[in-house]
Amino acid sequence: MWDNLGKTYSDMVQGILLLNDNIITSGTVEKFFSVKPRVRINIKYQLGFDSKFNKRKILHSTSYKKAVEMGAIQEFYA
C-alpha cells in the first residue's frame, strides 16, 4: 500500500514541505473508510542529521542550495 499512496503523496509535498522525498526514512499508510474520505499526512522533522553521509548528501543537493538561495530555509552551519 505504501507504493501507491505514500509515494504519491511524498512526491506531491516535495519542494513544499520537504526538500526532496529521498530523505524520507520511514512511513506508514492507513486507510480510513468513512462518510468523509480523506488522507491524513503526519510529518515529523528530525532536528539533526542521522549520519555524516546523509548530512553531506543533503547539504550538497541542488534542492537544498536552491531553497537557501530563495530564502525558503536558513543555511545549516555546524
Protein backbone atom coordinates (compact mmCIF):
# COMPACT_ATOMS: atom_id res chain seq x y z
CA MET A 1 0.00 0.00 0.00
CA TRP A 2 2.91 2.43 0.63
CA ASP A 3 3.91 2.23 -3.03
CA ASN A 4 0.55 3.56 -4.18
CA LEU A 5 -0.42 6.16 -1.57
CA GLY A 6 2.76 7.01 0.31
CA LYS A 7 4.92 7.54 -2.73
CA THR A 8 2.25 9.58 -4.48
CA TYR A 9 1.82 11.96 -1.56
CA SER A 10 5.53 12.20 -0.80
CA ASP A 11 6.04 13.26 -4.42
CA MET A 12 3.27 15.86 -4.05
CA VAL A 13 4.82 17.57 -1.00
CA GLN A 14 8.33 17.53 -2.44
CA GLY A 15 9.58 21.07 -2.77
CA ILE A 16 6.80 22.33 -0.47
CA LEU A 17 7.13 20.52 2.85
CA LEU A 18 10.25 18.51 2.02
CA LEU A 19 13.32 19.48 0.04
CA ASN A 20 13.41 16.09 -1.58
CA ASP A 21 11.41 12.95 -0.95
CA ASN A 22 14.57 10.84 -0.99
CA ILE A 23 15.27 11.89 2.61
CA ILE A 24 12.19 10.06 3.91
CA THR A 25 13.41 7.23 6.12
CA SER A 26 10.11 5.65 7.11
CA GLY A 27 6.40 5.99 6.57
CA THR A 28 3.08 4.38 7.27
CA VAL A 29 -0.18 4.45 5.40
CA GLU A 30 -3.61 3.84 6.88
CA LYS A 31 -6.89 3.81 5.03
CA PHE A 32 -9.92 5.38 6.66
CA PHE A 33 -13.24 4.28 5.23
CA SER A 34 -15.94 6.73 6.25
CA VAL A 35 -18.58 9.12 5.03
CA LYS A 36 -15.86 11.75 4.65
CA PRO A 37 -13.00 10.18 2.63
CA ARG A 38 -9.65 11.74 3.42
CA VAL A 39 -5.92 11.40 3.52
CA ARG A 40 -4.03 12.40 6.63
CA ILE A 41 -0.32 13.12 6.45
CA ASN A 42 1.79 13.43 9.60
CA ILE A 43 5.30 14.74 9.18
CA LYS A 44 7.92 14.62 11.90
CA TYR A 45 11.11 16.54 11.28
CA GLN A 46 14.45 15.44 12.63
CA LEU A 47 16.40 18.10 14.49
CA GLY A 48 19.72 16.89 13.15
CA PHE A 49 21.31 14.55 10.67
CA ASP A 50 21.34 10.83 11.32
CA SER A 51 24.72 10.28 9.66
CA LYS A 52 27.61 12.18 8.09
CA PHE A 53 26.72 10.61 4.74
CA ASN A 54 23.15 11.98 4.79
CA LYS A 55 24.33 15.38 6.01
CA ARG A 56 26.73 15.66 3.10
CA LYS A 57 24.13 14.33 0.66
CA ILE A 58 21.51 16.90 1.71
CA LEU A 59 23.81 19.92 2.06
CA HIS A 60 25.24 19.36 -1.40
CA SER A 61 21.91 18.70 -3.10
CA THR A 62 20.56 21.08 -5.71
CA SER A 63 17.20 21.35 -3.95
CA TYR A 64 18.88 22.41 -0.68
CA LYS A 65 21.03 25.04 -2.39
CA LYS A 66 18.02 26.38 -4.29
CA ALA A 67 15.90 26.60 -1.11
CA VAL A 68 18.68 28.53 0.69
CA GLU A 69 19.09 30.85 -2.30
CA MET A 70 15.35 31.57 -2.41
CA GLY A 71 15.27 32.20 1.35
CA ALA A 72 12.87 29.31 1.97
CA ILE A 73 15.23 27.83 4.58
CA GLN A 74 18.24 29.04 6.52
CA GLU A 75 21.61 27.61 5.64
CA PHE A 76 22.77 24.90 8.04
CA TYR A 77 26.10 25.56 9.77
CA ALA A 78 27.85 23.06 12.02
